[in-house]
Amino acid sequence: QVQLVESGGGLVQPGGSLRLSCAASGSIVSINCMGWFRQSPGKERELVATITNTNTGSTIYTGSVKGRFTISRDNAKNTVYLQMNSLKPEDTAVYYCAGGWAARYNYWGQGTQVTVSS
C-alpha cells in the first residue's frame, strides 16, 4: 500500500501562486508515476499534470495549465510538488495527488482545496 498526503492548498487571489505538496509513504516501489488531478463542483475529475519516476522525469500537462503550472519531484523525500502560478478563478477545485504504475492510478490522497477568488 501507498499513502499519499497533500498539503499547500488555500485561498489565493487571481494572478497569485500556490505550491502543493504530496508526500508518499509505504510501498513506494509499487508506483512509477505520480500526478495531480482536480475536481470542481458539477464536473468530473480531470488530470492536471503527471510525472514519471524515471531518470528523465517525463511530464504531461493538461492544456489549460501549460505554461502556468509545473510538476516536479524530490525522490529523496518521496514528494511531488505542483507549483501553480498565474492562478485563475477556473482553477478553483479540490486537488488530488495520485500514484500508480504506467498511468494507472491506484493510490489517491485525501485532496486539498484550492480557491482562487478576489
N, C-alpha and C. Protein backbone atom coordinates (compact mmCIF):
# COMPACT_ATOMS: atom_id res chain seq x y z
N GLN A 1 0.83 -1.21 0.00
CA GLN A 1 0.00 0.00 0.00
C GLN A 1 0.87 1.25 0.00
N VAL A 2 0.31 2.27 -0.60
CA VAL A 2 0.98 3.56 -0.65
C VAL A 2 0.05 4.60 -0.03
N GLN A 3 0.60 5.42 0.80
CA GLN A 3 -0.16 6.51 1.41
C GLN A 3 0.33 7.83 0.81
N LEU A 4 -0.63 8.67 0.45
CA LEU A 4 -0.33 9.98 -0.13
C LEU A 4 -1.00 11.06 0.70
N VAL A 5 -0.23 12.06 1.08
CA VAL A 5 -0.76 13.15 1.90
C VAL A 5 -0.44 14.48 1.23
N GLU A 6 -1.50 15.21 0.86
CA GLU A 6 -1.33 16.50 0.21
C GLU A 6 -1.32 17.63 1.24
N SER A 7 -0.70 18.72 0.84
CA SER A 7 -0.73 19.94 1.64
C SER A 7 -0.49 21.13 0.72
N GLY A 8 -0.82 22.32 1.22
CA GLY A 8 -0.48 23.53 0.48
C GLY A 8 -1.65 24.25 -0.17
N GLY A 9 -2.85 23.70 -0.06
CA GLY A 9 -3.99 24.39 -0.65
C GLY A 9 -4.35 25.63 0.15
N GLY A 10 -5.32 26.38 -0.38
CA GLY A 10 -5.77 27.57 0.33
C GLY A 10 -6.47 28.54 -0.58
N LEU A 11 -6.65 29.75 -0.09
CA LEU A 11 -7.31 30.82 -0.83
C LEU A 11 -6.26 31.77 -1.38
N VAL A 12 -6.38 32.09 -2.65
CA VAL A 12 -5.42 32.99 -3.29
C VAL A 12 -6.18 33.88 -4.27
N GLN A 13 -5.67 35.07 -4.47
CA GLN A 13 -6.29 35.99 -5.42
C GLN A 13 -5.90 35.62 -6.85
N PRO A 14 -6.74 35.99 -7.81
CA PRO A 14 -6.37 35.75 -9.22
C PRO A 14 -5.01 36.36 -9.54
N GLY A 15 -4.21 35.59 -10.26
CA GLY A 15 -2.85 36.01 -10.59
C GLY A 15 -1.82 35.57 -9.57
N GLY A 16 -2.27 35.05 -8.46
CA GLY A 16 -1.37 34.62 -7.40
C GLY A 16 -0.80 33.23 -7.65
N SER A 17 -0.05 32.74 -6.65
CA SER A 17 0.63 31.45 -6.76
C SER A 17 0.39 30.61 -5.51
N LEU A 18 0.45 29.31 -5.71
CA LEU A 18 0.42 28.34 -4.62
C LEU A 18 1.31 27.17 -5.00
N ARG A 19 1.84 26.50 -4.00
CA ARG A 19 2.57 25.27 -4.25
C ARG A 19 1.95 24.15 -3.44
N LEU A 20 1.54 23.11 -4.12
CA LEU A 20 1.00 21.92 -3.47
C LEU A 20 2.12 20.90 -3.31
N SER A 21 2.05 20.16 -2.21
CA SER A 21 3.00 19.09 -1.95
C SER A 21 2.25 17.78 -1.73
N CYS A 22 2.88 16.69 -2.11
CA CYS A 22 2.30 15.36 -1.90
C CYS A 22 3.41 14.45 -1.42
N ALA A 23 3.31 14.03 -0.17
CA ALA A 23 4.31 13.13 0.42
C ALA A 23 3.82 11.70 0.33
N ALA A 24 4.64 10.84 -0.22
CA ALA A 24 4.30 9.43 -0.38
C ALA A 24 5.06 8.59 0.64
N SER A 25 4.37 7.57 1.14
CA SER A 25 5.00 6.64 2.06
C SER A 25 4.43 5.25 1.82
N GLY A 26 5.09 4.25 2.37
CA GLY A 26 4.65 2.87 2.17
C GLY A 26 5.43 2.19 1.07
N SER A 27 4.76 1.41 0.25
CA SER A 27 5.39 0.62 -0.81
C SER A 27 5.67 1.48 -2.04
N ILE A 28 6.64 2.37 -1.91
CA ILE A 28 6.94 3.32 -2.97
C ILE A 28 7.35 2.60 -4.25
N VAL A 29 7.94 1.43 -4.11
CA VAL A 29 8.41 0.73 -5.31
C VAL A 29 7.26 0.28 -6.21
N SER A 30 6.05 0.31 -5.69
CA SER A 30 4.91 -0.15 -6.48
C SER A 30 4.34 0.95 -7.38
N ILE A 31 4.94 2.13 -7.35
CA ILE A 31 4.47 3.20 -8.22
C ILE A 31 5.62 3.72 -9.07
N ASN A 32 5.33 4.04 -10.34
CA ASN A 32 6.36 4.63 -11.18
C ASN A 32 5.91 5.93 -11.81
N CYS A 33 4.76 6.41 -11.39
CA CYS A 33 4.30 7.70 -11.87
C CYS A 33 3.41 8.33 -10.80
N MET A 34 3.43 9.63 -10.77
CA MET A 34 2.56 10.37 -9.86
C MET A 34 1.94 11.53 -10.60
N GLY A 35 0.79 11.94 -10.11
CA GLY A 35 0.10 13.00 -10.82
C GLY A 35 -0.77 13.83 -9.91
N TRP A 36 -1.22 14.92 -10.45
CA TRP A 36 -2.19 15.79 -9.77
C TRP A 36 -3.46 15.83 -10.62
N PHE A 37 -4.57 15.64 -9.98
CA PHE A 37 -5.88 15.74 -10.60
C PHE A 37 -6.67 16.79 -9.83
N ARG A 38 -7.74 17.25 -10.43
CA ARG A 38 -8.61 18.20 -9.73
C ARG A 38 -10.05 17.96 -10.09
N GLN A 39 -10.93 18.38 -9.17
CA GLN A 39 -12.36 18.24 -9.40
C GLN A 39 -13.07 19.44 -8.80
N SER A 40 -13.87 20.08 -9.61
CA SER A 40 -14.68 21.21 -9.14
C SER A 40 -16.14 20.78 -9.15
N PRO A 41 -17.00 21.47 -8.40
CA PRO A 41 -18.41 21.06 -8.26
C PRO A 41 -19.10 20.91 -9.62
N GLY A 42 -19.76 19.79 -9.79
CA GLY A 42 -20.50 19.55 -11.01
C GLY A 42 -19.69 19.08 -12.19
N LYS A 43 -18.39 18.90 -11.97
CA LYS A 43 -17.51 18.47 -13.05
C LYS A 43 -16.81 17.17 -12.69
N GLU A 44 -16.38 16.47 -13.73
CA GLU A 44 -15.63 15.24 -13.50
C GLU A 44 -14.19 15.56 -13.09
N ARG A 45 -13.60 14.60 -12.41
CA ARG A 45 -12.20 14.76 -12.04
C ARG A 45 -11.35 14.79 -13.31
N GLU A 46 -10.43 15.73 -13.39
CA GLU A 46 -9.58 15.84 -14.57
C GLU A 46 -8.10 15.80 -14.20
N LEU A 47 -7.31 15.29 -15.14
CA LEU A 47 -5.88 15.27 -14.95
C LEU A 47 -5.32 16.68 -15.10
N VAL A 48 -4.40 17.04 -14.21
CA VAL A 48 -3.74 18.35 -14.29
C VAL A 48 -2.32 18.18 -14.80
N ALA A 49 -1.58 17.29 -14.16
CA ALA A 49 -0.19 17.08 -14.56
C ALA A 49 0.29 15.75 -14.01
N THR A 50 1.22 15.12 -14.72
CA THR A 50 1.82 13.88 -14.25
C THR A 50 3.33 13.92 -14.44
N ILE A 51 4.01 13.09 -13.67
CA ILE A 51 5.45 12.98 -13.78
C ILE A 51 5.84 11.54 -13.51
N THR A 52 6.79 11.02 -14.29
CA THR A 52 7.24 9.66 -14.06
C THR A 52 8.39 9.64 -13.05
N ASN A 53 8.63 8.47 -12.49
CA ASN A 53 9.71 8.31 -11.53
C ASN A 53 11.01 7.88 -12.18
N THR A 54 11.03 7.88 -13.51
CA THR A 54 12.25 7.51 -14.21
C THR A 54 13.28 8.63 -14.11
N ASN A 55 14.48 8.33 -14.60
CA ASN A 55 15.53 9.34 -14.54
C ASN A 55 15.16 10.60 -15.32
N THR A 56 14.41 10.42 -16.37
CA THR A 56 14.04 11.59 -17.18
C THR A 56 12.96 12.43 -16.54
N GLY A 57 12.16 11.83 -15.68
CA GLY A 57 11.08 12.59 -15.06
C GLY A 57 10.15 13.20 -16.08
N SER A 58 9.69 12.41 -17.03
CA SER A 58 8.82 12.92 -18.08
C SER A 58 7.54 13.50 -17.50
N THR A 59 7.10 14.61 -18.07
CA THR A 59 5.91 15.29 -17.57
C THR A 59 4.85 15.44 -18.65
N ILE A 60 3.62 15.52 -18.20
CA ILE A 60 2.47 15.77 -19.07
C ILE A 60 1.59 16.78 -18.36
N TYR A 61 1.06 17.75 -19.10
CA TYR A 61 0.17 18.76 -18.55
C TYR A 61 -1.10 18.84 -19.39
N THR A 62 -2.20 19.12 -18.72
CA THR A 62 -3.41 19.41 -19.48
C THR A 62 -3.26 20.81 -20.08
N GLY A 63 -3.93 21.02 -21.20
CA GLY A 63 -3.70 22.25 -21.94
C GLY A 63 -3.95 23.54 -21.19
N SER A 64 -4.94 23.54 -20.33
CA SER A 64 -5.33 24.78 -19.65
C SER A 64 -4.30 25.25 -18.62
N VAL A 65 -3.36 24.39 -18.24
CA VAL A 65 -2.38 24.78 -17.22
C VAL A 65 -0.97 24.91 -17.78
N LYS A 66 -0.78 24.54 -19.04
CA LYS A 66 0.55 24.62 -19.64
C LYS A 66 1.09 26.04 -19.56
N GLY A 67 2.34 26.14 -19.14
CA GLY A 67 2.97 27.45 -19.01
C GLY A 67 2.69 28.14 -17.69
N ARG A 68 1.75 27.63 -16.93
CA ARG A 68 1.42 28.23 -15.62
C ARG A 68 1.76 27.30 -14.46
N PHE A 69 1.57 26.00 -14.63
CA PHE A 69 1.81 25.03 -13.58
C PHE A 69 3.07 24.23 -13.91
N THR A 70 3.77 23.82 -12.86
CA THR A 70 4.95 22.97 -13.02
C THR A 70 4.92 21.85 -11.99
N ILE A 71 5.02 20.63 -12.48
CA ILE A 71 5.09 19.48 -11.59
C ILE A 71 6.55 19.07 -11.46
N SER A 72 6.94 18.71 -10.25
CA SER A 72 8.32 18.30 -10.01
C SER A 72 8.34 17.28 -8.87
N ARG A 73 9.47 16.66 -8.68
CA ARG A 73 9.56 15.65 -7.63
C ARG A 73 10.91 15.74 -6.93
N ASP A 74 10.91 15.29 -5.68
CA ASP A 74 12.13 15.15 -4.90
C ASP A 74 12.17 13.69 -4.45
N ASN A 75 12.94 12.89 -5.16
CA ASN A 75 12.95 11.46 -4.87
C ASN A 75 13.47 11.15 -3.48
N ALA A 76 14.40 11.97 -3.00
CA ALA A 76 14.95 11.74 -1.66
C ALA A 76 13.89 11.90 -0.58
N LYS A 77 12.91 12.74 -0.86
CA LYS A 77 11.83 12.99 0.11
C LYS A 77 10.54 12.27 -0.26
N ASN A 78 10.57 11.54 -1.38
CA ASN A 78 9.35 10.86 -1.86
C ASN A 78 8.18 11.85 -1.94
N THR A 79 8.47 13.00 -2.48
CA THR A 79 7.48 14.08 -2.52
C THR A 79 7.37 14.64 -3.93
N VAL A 80 6.14 14.91 -4.33
CA VAL A 80 5.85 15.54 -5.61
C VAL A 80 5.22 16.90 -5.35
N TYR A 81 5.59 17.86 -6.16
CA TYR A 81 5.09 19.22 -5.99
C TYR A 81 4.31 19.68 -7.22
N LEU A 82 3.41 20.60 -7.01
CA LEU A 82 2.74 21.27 -8.11
C LEU A 82 2.82 22.77 -7.85
N GLN A 83 3.68 23.43 -8.58
CA GLN A 83 3.79 24.88 -8.48
C GLN A 83 2.77 25.50 -9.42
N MET A 84 1.87 26.30 -8.88
CA MET A 84 0.80 26.90 -9.66
C MET A 84 0.96 28.42 -9.66
N ASN A 85 1.20 28.97 -10.82
CA ASN A 85 1.36 30.41 -10.98
C ASN A 85 0.23 30.97 -11.84
N SER A 86 0.07 32.27 -11.80
CA SER A 86 -0.96 32.95 -12.60
C SER A 86 -2.31 32.27 -12.45
N LEU A 87 -2.68 32.02 -11.24
CA LEU A 87 -3.92 31.28 -10.98
C LEU A 87 -5.14 32.07 -11.42
N LYS A 88 -6.12 31.32 -11.89
CA LYS A 88 -7.38 31.89 -12.39
C LYS A 88 -8.54 31.33 -11.58
N PRO A 89 -9.65 32.04 -11.55
CA PRO A 89 -10.82 31.51 -10.82
C PRO A 89 -11.22 30.11 -11.29
N GLU A 90 -11.03 29.81 -12.56
CA GLU A 90 -11.41 28.49 -13.06
C GLU A 90 -10.47 27.39 -12.58
N ASP A 91 -9.38 27.74 -11.91
CA ASP A 91 -8.52 26.73 -11.29
C ASP A 91 -9.05 26.27 -9.95
N THR A 92 -10.09 26.91 -9.47
CA THR A 92 -10.68 26.53 -8.19
C THR A 92 -11.20 25.11 -8.25
N ALA A 93 -10.74 24.29 -7.31
CA ALA A 93 -11.12 22.87 -7.29
C ALA A 93 -10.49 22.22 -6.07
N VAL A 94 -10.89 20.98 -5.84
CA VAL A 94 -10.16 20.13 -4.91
C VAL A 94 -9.08 19.41 -5.73
N TYR A 95 -7.85 19.53 -5.28
CA TYR A 95 -6.73 18.93 -5.98
C TYR A 95 -6.31 17.64 -5.27
N TYR A 96 -6.17 16.59 -6.06
CA TYR A 96 -5.83 15.28 -5.53
C TYR A 96 -4.47 14.84 -6.08
N CYS A 97 -3.67 14.28 -5.21
CA CYS A 97 -2.43 13.63 -5.61
C CYS A 97 -2.74 12.16 -5.86
N ALA A 98 -2.11 11.59 -6.87
CA ALA A 98 -2.33 10.19 -7.20
C ALA A 98 -1.01 9.53 -7.56
N GLY A 99 -0.94 8.24 -7.27
CA GLY A 99 0.23 7.46 -7.62
C GLY A 99 -0.19 6.16 -8.29
N GLY A 100 0.63 5.69 -9.22
CA GLY A 100 0.28 4.46 -9.91
C GLY A 100 1.40 3.89 -10.72
N TRP A 101 1.04 2.96 -11.59
CA TRP A 101 2.01 2.29 -12.46
C TRP A 101 1.52 2.40 -13.90
N ALA A 102 2.40 2.88 -14.77
CA ALA A 102 2.08 3.00 -16.19
C ALA A 102 0.76 3.74 -16.41
N ALA A 103 0.61 4.86 -15.74
CA ALA A 103 -0.52 5.76 -15.89
C ALA A 103 -1.83 5.19 -15.36
N ARG A 104 -1.76 4.10 -14.65
CA ARG A 104 -2.95 3.58 -13.97
C ARG A 104 -2.82 3.94 -12.50
N TYR A 105 -3.66 4.88 -12.06
CA TYR A 105 -3.53 5.44 -10.73
C TYR A 105 -4.39 4.71 -9.73
N ASN A 106 -3.74 4.02 -8.81
CA ASN A 106 -4.43 3.20 -7.82
C ASN A 106 -4.49 3.84 -6.44
N TYR A 107 -3.61 4.79 -6.21
CA TYR A 107 -3.49 5.40 -4.89
C TYR A 107 -3.82 6.88 -4.98
N TRP A 108 -4.63 7.32 -4.00
CA TRP A 108 -5.10 8.70 -4.00
C TRP A 108 -4.96 9.33 -2.64
N GLY A 109 -4.65 10.61 -2.63
CA GLY A 109 -4.66 11.36 -1.40
C GLY A 109 -6.06 11.81 -1.05
N GLN A 110 -6.17 12.53 0.07
CA GLN A 110 -7.49 12.95 0.55
C GLN A 110 -7.98 14.22 -0.13
N GLY A 111 -7.11 14.90 -0.82
CA GLY A 111 -7.49 16.12 -1.53
C GLY A 111 -7.22 17.37 -0.72
N THR A 112 -6.92 18.45 -1.42
CA THR A 112 -6.71 19.75 -0.77
C THR A 112 -7.43 20.82 -1.60
N GLN A 113 -8.14 21.70 -0.92
CA GLN A 113 -8.94 22.72 -1.60
C GLN A 113 -8.08 23.88 -2.06
N VAL A 114 -8.25 24.26 -3.31
CA VAL A 114 -7.64 25.47 -3.85
C VAL A 114 -8.76 26.38 -4.32
N THR A 115 -8.79 27.58 -3.78
CA THR A 115 -9.81 28.56 -4.15
C THR A 115 -9.14 29.82 -4.67
N VAL A 116 -9.49 30.21 -5.88
CA VAL A 116 -8.93 31.41 -6.49
C VAL A 116 -10.06 32.43 -6.60
N SER A 117 -9.97 33.46 -5.78
CA SER A 117 -11.04 34.44 -5.72
C SER A 117 -10.52 35.75 -5.16
N SER A 118 -11.11 36.83 -5.62
CA SER A 118 -10.76 38.14 -5.09
C SER A 118 -11.71 38.54 -3.98
